[in-house]
């Protein structure tokens, strides 16, 4: 019976990445088995310069509403201001 082949893809190319550590961990555990063959595929090894960003857009600073804009006014303060 042929061995099961599994590719472990490290999908980030950023300098401050963490994905290589769990990828190596999974590879080391799978290497202990006789019925599985694994290969780590690192996207850094392929020419994709548009993926070499400093940070993810998901971590961009978000604009927050000012505290005064988010305050709720009590009914009594609304009645006195009208």
C-alpha atoms as a PDB file:
ATOM      1  CA  UNK A   1       0.000   0.000   0.000  1.00  0.00           C
ATOM      2  CA  UNK A   2       1.311   3.465  -0.916  1.00  0.00           C
ATOM      3  CA  UNK A   3       2.150   5.972   1.783  1.00  0.00           C
ATOM      4  CA  UNK A   4      -0.201   8.853   2.427  1.00  0.00           C
ATOM      5  CA  UNK A   5       1.488  12.073   1.254  1.00  0.00           C
ATOM      6  CA  UNK A   6       0.774  15.236   3.224  1.00  0.00           C
ATOM      7  CA  UNK A   7       2.005  18.717   2.337  1.00  0.00           C
ATOM      8  CA  UNK A   8       2.418  21.100   5.260  1.00  0.00           C
ATOM      9  CA  UNK A   9       2.196  24.621   3.839  1.00  0.00           C
ATOM     10  CA  UNK A  10       3.741  27.590   5.617  1.00  0.00           C
ATOM     11  CA  UNK A  11       1.590  30.249   4.065  1.00  0.00           C
ATOM     12  CA  UNK A  12       3.086  33.452   5.402  1.00  0.00           C
ATOM     13  CA  UNK A  13       6.269  35.030   4.108  1.00  0.00           C
ATOM     14  CA  UNK A  14       6.548  37.797   6.685  1.00  0.00           C
ATOM     15  CA  UNK A  15       9.727  38.190   8.714  1.00  0.00           C
ATOM     16  CA  UNK A  16       7.901  38.002  12.065  1.00  0.00           C
ATOM     17  CA  UNK A  17       5.981  34.819  11.353  1.00  0.00           C
ATOM     18  CA  UNK A  18       5.249  31.900  13.648  1.00  0.00           C
ATOM     19  CA  UNK A  19       3.911  29.279  11.221  1.00  0.00           C
ATOM     20  CA  UNK A  20       7.242  27.516  10.726  1.00  0.00           C
ATOM     21  CA  UNK A  21       7.254  26.281  14.343  1.00  0.00           C
ATOM     22  CA  UNK A  22       3.967  24.327  14.297  1.00  0.00           C
ATOM     23  CA  UNK A  23       4.723  23.156  10.749  1.00  0.00           C
ATOM     24  CA  UNK A  24       8.001  21.617  11.900  1.00  0.00           C
ATOM     25  CA  UNK A  25       6.252  20.121  14.946  1.00  0.00           C
ATOM     26  CA  UNK A  26       3.623  18.407  12.773  1.00  0.00           C
ATOM     27  CA  UNK A  27       6.338  17.239  10.364  1.00  0.00           C
ATOM     28  CA  UNK A  28       8.402  15.726  13.197  1.00  0.00           C
ATOM     29  CA  UNK A  29       5.420  13.848  14.627  1.00  0.00           C
ATOM     30  CA  UNK A  30       4.360  12.525  11.207  1.00  0.00           C
ATOM     31  CA  UNK A  31       7.949  11.426  10.470  1.00  0.00           C
ATOM     32  CA  UNK A  32       7.672   8.904  13.313  1.00  0.00           C
ATOM     33  CA  UNK A  33       5.018   6.990  11.361  1.00  0.00           C
ATOM     34  CA  UNK A  34       5.769   4.495   8.623  1.00  0.00           C
ATOM     35  CA  UNK A  35       2.549   5.059   6.680  1.00  0.00           C
ATOM     36  CA  UNK A  36       2.821   8.842   6.169  1.00  0.00           C
ATOM     37  CA  UNK A  37       5.192  10.919   4.081  1.00  0.00           C
ATOM     38  CA  UNK A  38       5.230  14.666   4.760  1.00  0.00           C
ATOM     39  CA  UNK A  39       6.818  17.611   3.057  1.00  0.00           C
ATOM     40  CA  UNK A  40       7.035  21.189   4.325  1.00  0.00           C
ATOM     41  CA  UNK A  41       6.249  23.711   1.598  1.00  0.00           C
ATOM     42  CA  UNK A  42       7.389  27.206   2.517  1.00  0.00           C
ATOM     43  CA  UNK A  43       5.973  29.998   0.367  1.00  0.00           C
ATOM     44  CA  UNK A  44       9.155  31.980   1.041  1.00  0.00           C
ATOM     45  CA  UNK A  45      10.836  29.600  -1.409  1.00  0.00           C
ATOM     46  CA  UNK A  46       8.648  30.854  -4.253  1.00  0.00           C
ATOM     47  CA  UNK A  47       8.966  34.317  -5.876  1.00  0.00           C
ATOM     48  CA  UNK A  48       5.851  36.129  -4.635  1.00  0.00           C
ATOM     49  CA  UNK A  49       6.991  39.649  -3.633  1.00  0.00           C
ATOM     50  CA  UNK A  50       3.430  40.917  -3.247  1.00  0.00           C
ATOM     51  CA  UNK A  51       3.084  38.724  -0.135  1.00  0.00           C
ATOM     52  CA  UNK A  52       6.044  40.378   1.609  1.00  0.00           C
ATOM     53  CA  UNK A  53       3.994  42.858   3.615  1.00  0.00           C
ATOM     54  CA  UNK A  54       5.045  44.286   6.965  1.00  0.00           C
ATOM     55  CA  UNK A  55       1.774  43.476   8.728  1.00  0.00           C
ATOM     56  CA  UNK A  56      -1.611  42.024   8.001  1.00  0.00           C
ATOM     57  CA  UNK A  57      -4.534  44.308   7.272  1.00  0.00           C
ATOM     58  CA  UNK A  58      -6.369  42.502  10.058  1.00  0.00           C
ATOM     59  CA  UNK A  59      -3.978  44.102  12.558  1.00  0.00           C
ATOM     60  CA  UNK A  60      -4.324  47.654  11.238  1.00  0.00           C
ATOM     61  CA  UNK A  61      -5.366  50.232  13.830  1.00  0.00           C
ATOM     62  CA  UNK A  62      -9.092  50.744  13.885  1.00  0.00           C
ATOM     63  CA  UNK A  63     -10.811  54.054  14.271  1.00  0.00           C
ATOM     64  CA  UNK A  64     -12.901  54.262  17.378  1.00  0.00           C
ATOM     65  CA  UNK A  65     -15.760  56.556  18.145  1.00  0.00           C
ATOM     66  CA  UNK A  66     -15.076  59.295  20.628  1.00  0.00           C
ATOM     67  CA  UNK A  67     -16.427  58.757  24.102  1.00  0.00           C
ATOM     68  CA  UNK A  68     -18.807  61.715  23.821  1.00  0.00           C
ATOM     69  CA  UNK A  69     -20.301  60.363  20.593  1.00  0.00           C
ATOM     70  CA  UNK A  70     -20.918  56.991  22.169  1.00  0.00           C
ATOM     71  CA  UNK A  71     -22.501  58.235  25.418  1.00  0.00           C
ATOM     72  CA  UNK A  72     -26.178  57.668  25.918  1.00  0.00           C
ATOM     73  CA  UNK A  73     -28.139  60.505  27.309  1.00  0.00           C
ATOM     74  CA  UNK A  74     -30.591  59.853  30.064  1.00  0.00           C
ATOM     75  CA  UNK A  75     -34.241  60.811  29.488  1.00  0.00           C
ATOM     76  CA  UNK A  76     -34.041  63.451  32.226  1.00  0.00           C
ATOM     77  CA  UNK A  77     -31.057  65.218  30.620  1.00  0.00           C
ATOM     78  CA  UNK A  78     -32.794  65.182  27.235  1.00  0.00           C
ATOM     79  CA  UNK A  79     -35.926  66.751  28.735  1.00  0.00           C
ATOM     80  CA  UNK A  80     -33.962  69.572  30.377  1.00  0.00           C
ATOM     81  CA  UNK A  81     -32.026  70.389  27.194  1.00  0.00           C
ATOM     82  CA  UNK A  82     -35.124  70.913  25.036  1.00  0.00           C
END
